[in-house]
C-alpha atoms as a PDB file:
ATOM      1  CA  UNK A   1     152.755-160.167  53.719  1.00  0.00           C
ATOM      2  CA  UNK A   2     156.145-161.652  54.625  1.00  0.00           C
ATOM      3  CA  UNK A   3     156.973-161.991  58.254  1.00  0.00           C
ATOM      4  CA  UNK A   4     159.807-159.483  58.252  1.00  0.00           C
ATOM      5  CA  UNK A   5     157.488-156.686  56.960  1.00  0.00           C
ATOM      6  CA  UNK A   6     159.123-156.159  53.603  1.00  0.00           C
ATOM      7  CA  UNK A   7     157.187-156.171  50.444  1.00  0.00           C
ATOM      8  CA  UNK A   8     159.893-158.023  48.428  1.00  0.00           C
ATOM      9  CA  UNK A   9     158.313-160.292  45.836  1.00  0.00           C
ATOM     10  CA  UNK A  10     161.293-162.604  45.847  1.00  0.00           C
ATOM     11  CA  UNK A  11     161.375-165.360  48.446  1.00  0.00           C
ATOM     12  CA  UNK A  12     164.408-165.750  50.736  1.00  0.00           C
ATOM     13  CA  UNK A  13     166.514-163.367  48.617  1.00  0.00           C
ATOM     14  CA  UNK A  14     167.089-165.943  45.819  1.00  0.00           C
ATOM     15  CA  UNK A  15     167.617-164.442  42.457  1.00  0.00           C
ATOM     16  CA  UNK A  16     167.386-166.098  39.125  1.00  0.00           C
ATOM     17  CA  UNK A  17     170.361-166.411  36.846  1.00  0.00           C
ATOM     18  CA  UNK A  18     171.912-163.092  35.821  1.00  0.00           C
ATOM     19  CA  UNK A  19     171.479-162.036  32.178  1.00  0.00           C
ATOM     20  CA  UNK A  20     173.121-159.146  30.546  1.00  0.00           C
ATOM     21  CA  UNK A  21     170.821-156.660  28.731  1.00  0.00           C
ATOM     22  CA  UNK A  22     171.620-155.821  25.109  1.00  0.00           C
ATOM     23  CA  UNK A  23     171.667-152.136  24.324  1.00  0.00           C
ATOM     24  CA  UNK A  24     168.928-150.747  22.010  1.00  0.00           C
ATOM     25  CA  UNK A  25     170.012-150.327  18.317  1.00  0.00           C
ATOM     26  CA  UNK A  26     167.590-148.811  15.934  1.00  0.00           C
ATOM     27  CA  UNK A  27     169.808-149.807  13.047  1.00  0.00           C
ATOM     28  CA  UNK A  28     171.603-153.066  13.254  1.00  0.00           C
ATOM     29  CA  UNK A  29     175.250-152.528  12.153  1.00  0.00           C
ATOM     30  CA  UNK A  30     175.439-156.144  10.668  1.00  0.00           C
ATOM     31  CA  UNK A  31     172.391-155.397   8.445  1.00  0.00           C
ATOM     32  CA  UNK A  32     173.712-152.210   6.920  1.00  0.00           C
ATOM     33  CA  UNK A  33     174.675-152.391   3.298  1.00  0.00           C
ATOM     34  CA  UNK A  34     176.284-149.644   1.253  1.00  0.00           C
ATOM     35  CA  UNK A  35     175.307-148.697  -2.348  1.00  0.00           C
ATOM     36  CA  UNK A  36     178.848-147.470  -2.958  1.00  0.00           C
ATOM     37  CA  UNK A  37     182.077-148.219  -1.000  1.00  0.00           C
ATOM     38  CA  UNK A  38     182.748-144.343  -0.860  1.00  0.00           C
ATOM     39  CA  UNK A  39     179.829-143.958   1.504  1.00  0.00           C
ATOM     40  CA  UNK A  40     181.580-145.982   4.345  1.00  0.00           C
ATOM     41  CA  UNK A  41     183.862-143.009   5.252  1.00  0.00           C
ATOM     42  CA  UNK A  42     182.203-139.615   5.619  1.00  0.00           C
ATOM     43  CA  UNK A  43     185.483-137.680   6.377  1.00  0.00           C
ATOM     44  CA  UNK A  44     186.455-134.740   4.113  1.00  0.00           C
ATOM     45  CA  UNK A  45     189.852-136.256   3.464  1.00  0.00           C
ATOM     46  CA  UNK A  46     188.241-139.559   2.324  1.00  0.00           C
ATOM     47  CA  UNK A  47     186.721-138.135  -0.705  1.00  0.00           C
ATOM     48  CA  UNK A  48     189.986-137.577  -2.610  1.00  0.00           C
ATOM     49  CA  UNK A  49     190.941-134.893  -5.189  1.00  0.00           C
ATOM     50  CA  UNK A  50     190.897-132.271  -2.432  1.00  0.00           C
ATOM     51  CA  UNK A  51     194.545-131.419  -2.160  1.00  0.00           C
ATOM     52  CA  UNK A  52     195.173-127.589  -2.136  1.00  0.00           C
ATOM     53  CA  UNK A  53     191.597-126.437  -2.703  1.00  0.00           C
ATOM     54  CA  UNK A  54     189.730-124.031  -0.422  1.00  0.00           C
ATOM     55  CA  UNK A  55     187.855-126.741   1.417  1.00  0.00           C
ATOM     56  CA  UNK A  56     191.009-128.658   2.145  1.00  0.00           C
ATOM     57  CA  UNK A  57     192.543-125.697   3.881  1.00  0.00           C
ATOM     58  CA  UNK A  58     189.434-124.944   5.773  1.00  0.00           C
ATOM     59  CA  UNK A  59     188.994-128.522   6.875  1.00  0.00           C
ATOM     60  CA  UNK A  60     192.681-128.766   8.075  1.00  0.00           C
ATOM     61  CA  UNK A  61     192.131-125.587  10.195  1.00  0.00           C
ATOM     62  CA  UNK A  62     188.722-126.593  11.561  1.00  0.00           C
ATOM     63  CA  UNK A  63     189.289-130.328  12.238  1.00  0.00           C
ATOM     64  CA  UNK A  64     191.106-129.641  15.429  1.00  0.00           C
ATOM     65  CA  UNK A  65     188.577-127.117  16.724  1.00  0.00           C
ATOM     66  CA  UNK A  66     185.953-128.721  18.973  1.00  0.00           C
ATOM     67  CA  UNK A  67     183.105-127.262  21.137  1.00  0.00           C
ATOM     68  CA  UNK A  68     181.918-123.618  21.409  1.00  0.00           C
ATOM     69  CA  UNK A  69     185.002-122.285  19.642  1.00  0.00           C
ATOM     70  CA  UNK A  70     183.968-123.954  16.277  1.00  0.00           C
ATOM     71  CA  UNK A  71     181.365-121.400  15.437  1.00  0.00           C
ATOM     72  CA  UNK A  72     183.796-118.499  15.948  1.00  0.00           C
ATOM     73  CA  UNK A  73     186.378-120.256  13.706  1.00  0.00           C
ATOM     74  CA  UNK A  74     183.906-121.184  11.045  1.00  0.00           C
ATOM     75  CA  UNK A  75     182.664-117.617  10.808  1.00  0.00           C
ATOM     76  CA  UNK A  76     186.169-116.337  10.629  1.00  0.00           C
ATOM     77  CA  UNK A  77     186.756-118.570   7.595  1.00  0.00           C
ATOM     78  CA  UNK A  78     183.659-117.088   5.897  1.00  0.00           C
ATOM     79  CA  UNK A  79     185.024-113.538   6.025  1.00  0.00           C
ATOM     80  CA  UNK A  80     186.773-111.992   2.934  1.00  0.00           C
ATOM     81  CA  UNK A  81     190.071-111.910   4.765  1.00  0.00           C
ATOM     82  CA  UNK A  82     190.492-115.649   4.771  1.00  0.00           C
ATOM     83  CA  UNK A  83     192.755-116.941   2.033  1.00  0.00           C
ATOM     84  CA  UNK A  84     192.240-120.618   1.442  1.00  0.00           C
ATOM     85  CA  UNK A  85     193.088-122.518  -1.550  1.00  0.00           C
ATOM     86  CA  UNK A  86     191.530-122.540  -5.044  1.00  0.00           C
ATOM     87  CA  UNK A  87     187.753-122.771  -5.382  1.00  0.00           C
ATOM     88  CA  UNK A  88     187.001-125.491  -7.896  1.00  0.00           C
ATOM     89  CA  UNK A  89     183.789-126.464  -9.595  1.00  0.00           C
ATOM     90  CA  UNK A  90     184.783-130.146  -9.500  1.00  0.00           C
ATOM     91  CA  UNK A  91     181.855-132.476  -8.413  1.00  0.00           C
ATOM     92  CA  UNK A  92     182.404-135.374  -6.103  1.00  0.00           C
ATOM     93  CA  UNK A  93     178.792-136.874  -6.415  1.00  0.00           C
ATOM     94  CA  UNK A  94     177.780-140.413  -6.011  1.00  0.00           C
ATOM     95  CA  UNK A  95     174.957-141.355  -8.490  1.00  0.00           C
ATOM     96  CA  UNK A  96     172.327-143.689  -6.972  1.00  0.00           C
ATOM     97  CA  UNK A  97     170.236-145.810  -9.414  1.00  0.00           C
END
């Protein structure tokens, strides 16, 4: 036991060289590869071909809504009184092989 009564394991207060800890990353960003370039941006506007349709209008209205008010605004859009754009049957799928 040290003379001054403390249970410090380091002698005379000397510390080793400081090192910075690296934060935990389950997925390393440098090791990620994309099967298709379109997968890099997950934003609604990034998919293209959405000008004037129902989803584009709803996205424009909801993109500014954050937090608890989002659910209320989303449910308002689902009611019959909401008039968005045209509902299309166009597909924006990405085929993986």
